[in-house]
Amino acid sequence: MRNRKLVFDNRSGESEINVSPLIDIVFILLIFFIVTTVFVEETGVEVQKPRAASAQQLERHSILIAITAEGQIVYGGKHIGIRGVGDVVRRLLRKEDMPVIVQADRKAPIDLYAKVHDEATLAGAKQINLATQK
């Protein structure tokens, strides 16, 4: 059995492995995964969604707006109010076309959901969905 050496230095008789290309590849893969990862920004509040037999899985890359049982409208953990809905949706739709998902609590007033839906529509949202449980 012969020992094969990758790099041979005739003067000292020692071999070494050059790991620079391996490190470069690892960093390139790391950058690739960071760039292609989809980050979902949660609403920041817990709501009790209504049940629906026709519930379906929606896209992960979407705008999530919550309506609490107390009637507060929340995006990204911050209370934005009804006027903030249009601003948030408009700003996010400039970057990319994505659906709006409203997570309304079961006890939230339906007229408040209608106002949020209208504000999102006026801001340019083409697809607005109500989050439910199956």
Protein backbone atom coordinates (compact mmCIF):
# COMPACT_ATOMS: atom_id res chain seq x y z
CA MET A 1 0.00 0.00 0.00
CA ARG A 2 1.40 3.35 -1.02
CA ASN A 3 0.75 6.64 0.72
CA ARG A 4 -0.39 9.31 -1.68
CA LYS A 5 0.36 12.89 -0.77
CA LEU A 6 -1.58 15.81 -2.16
CA VAL A 7 1.16 18.40 -1.91
CA PHE A 8 4.73 17.27 -1.40
CA ASP A 9 7.51 19.54 -0.25
CA ASN A 10 10.82 17.99 -1.31
CA ARG A 11 12.79 19.97 1.24
CA SER A 12 11.05 18.94 4.45
CA GLY A 13 9.20 15.78 3.41
CA GLU A 14 5.87 17.01 4.88
CA SER A 15 2.52 17.17 3.12
CA GLU A 16 -0.30 19.65 3.63
CA ILE A 17 -3.86 19.99 2.43
CA ASN A 18 -4.98 23.33 1.05
CA VAL A 19 -8.45 24.03 2.54
CA SER A 20 -8.93 27.50 1.02
CA PRO A 21 -11.18 26.28 -1.83
CA LEU A 22 -13.30 24.33 0.65
CA ILE A 23 -13.80 27.41 2.82
CA ASP A 24 -14.73 29.44 -0.26
CA ILE A 25 -17.38 26.91 -1.26
CA VAL A 26 -18.86 26.85 2.25
CA PHE A 27 -19.14 30.64 2.31
CA ILE A 28 -20.74 30.70 -1.14
CA LEU A 29 -23.32 28.13 -0.01
CA LEU A 30 -23.97 30.11 3.16
CA ILE A 31 -24.59 33.28 1.16
CA PHE A 32 -26.86 31.39 -1.24
CA PHE A 33 -29.03 30.02 1.57
CA ILE A 34 -29.25 33.40 3.31
CA VAL A 35 -30.33 35.15 0.13
CA THR A 36 -32.92 32.54 -0.87
CA THR A 37 -34.48 32.10 2.56
CA VAL A 38 -38.00 33.46 2.91
CA PHE A 39 -38.56 35.28 6.14
CA VAL A 40 -42.11 35.30 7.48
CA GLU A 41 -42.93 38.26 9.65
CA GLU A 42 -45.47 37.20 12.25
CA THR A 43 -48.15 39.54 13.57
CA GLY A 44 -46.88 39.42 17.15
CA VAL A 45 -50.22 38.62 18.79
CA GLU A 46 -52.10 35.39 19.37
CA VAL A 47 -55.63 35.28 17.98
CA GLN A 48 -58.27 32.56 18.14
CA LYS A 49 -59.08 31.97 14.49
CA PRO A 50 -62.55 30.85 13.44
CA ARG A 51 -63.00 27.31 12.15
CA ALA A 52 -63.74 26.53 8.50
CA ALA A 53 -64.17 23.18 6.78
CA SER A 54 -62.72 24.55 3.55
CA ALA A 55 -59.49 25.88 5.11
CA GLN A 56 -56.41 25.56 2.89
CA GLN A 57 -52.70 26.09 3.35
CA LEU A 58 -51.66 29.51 2.05
CA GLU A 59 -48.35 30.93 0.87
CA ARG A 60 -45.62 31.43 3.43
CA HIS A 61 -44.51 34.68 1.84
CA SER A 62 -47.40 37.00 2.62
CA ILE A 63 -48.45 40.08 4.58
CA LEU A 64 -49.93 39.03 7.94
CA ILE A 65 -52.25 41.48 9.70
CA ALA A 66 -54.01 40.55 12.95
CA ILE A 67 -57.24 41.81 14.47
CA THR A 68 -57.46 41.07 18.20
CA ALA A 69 -60.64 40.38 20.17
CA GLU A 70 -60.34 43.90 21.60
CA GLY A 71 -60.42 45.39 18.09
CA GLN A 72 -56.74 46.30 17.79
CA ILE A 73 -55.07 45.95 14.39
CA VAL A 74 -51.52 44.61 14.66
CA TYR A 75 -48.67 44.15 12.18
CA GLY A 76 -45.21 42.97 13.23
CA GLY A 77 -46.05 43.24 16.93
CA LYS A 78 -47.06 46.92 16.63
CA HIS A 79 -50.54 48.40 16.78
CA ILE A 80 -51.03 50.11 13.43
CA GLY A 81 -54.72 51.01 13.51
CA ILE A 82 -57.01 51.06 10.51
CA ARG A 83 -55.08 53.89 8.82
CA GLY A 84 -51.80 51.96 9.11
CA VAL A 85 -53.12 49.01 7.10
CA GLY A 86 -52.97 50.85 3.80
CA ASP A 87 -49.48 52.21 4.49
CA VAL A 88 -48.07 48.79 5.44
CA VAL A 89 -49.65 46.98 2.48
CA ARG A 90 -48.62 49.69 -0.01
CA ARG A 91 -45.01 49.68 1.26
CA LEU A 92 -44.68 45.88 1.13
CA LEU A 93 -46.34 45.54 -2.28
CA ARG A 94 -43.78 47.92 -3.78
CA LYS A 95 -41.11 45.25 -3.17
CA GLU A 96 -43.07 42.22 -4.35
CA ASP A 97 -46.63 41.19 -5.17
CA MET A 98 -47.86 39.00 -2.31
CA PRO A 99 -51.19 38.11 -0.72
CA VAL A 100 -52.56 39.71 2.44
CA ILE A 101 -53.69 37.34 5.18
CA VAL A 102 -55.90 38.77 7.92
CA GLN A 103 -55.79 36.81 11.17
CA ALA A 104 -58.99 37.98 12.86
CA ASP A 105 -59.96 36.74 16.30
CA ARG A 106 -63.32 34.96 16.53
CA LYS A 107 -64.62 37.74 18.79
CA ALA A 108 -63.40 40.60 16.57
CA PRO A 109 -66.17 42.72 15.05
CA ILE A 110 -66.93 41.81 11.43
CA ASP A 111 -67.17 45.46 10.43
CA LEU A 112 -63.55 45.94 11.53
CA TYR A 113 -62.51 43.05 9.27
CA ALA A 114 -64.43 44.70 6.41
CA LYS A 115 -62.55 47.98 7.01
CA VAL A 116 -59.17 46.18 7.03
CA HIS A 117 -60.15 44.35 3.83
CA ASP A 118 -61.15 47.64 2.18
CA GLU A 119 -57.91 49.39 3.21
CA ALA A 120 -55.82 46.51 1.84
CA THR A 121 -57.79 46.57 -1.43
CA LEU A 122 -57.36 50.33 -1.78
CA ALA A 123 -53.62 49.92 -1.14
CA GLY A 124 -53.36 47.59 -4.15
CA ALA A 125 -53.64 44.08 -2.70
CA LYS A 126 -54.98 41.66 -5.30
CA GLN A 127 -55.49 38.69 -2.97
CA ILE A 128 -56.84 39.06 0.58
CA ASN A 129 -57.58 36.01 2.71
CA LEU A 130 -59.02 35.36 6.15
CA ALA A 131 -56.96 32.94 8.25
CA THR A 132 -59.01 30.09 9.76
CA GLN A 133 -58.50 26.79 11.53
CA LYS A 134 -59.48 23.51 9.96
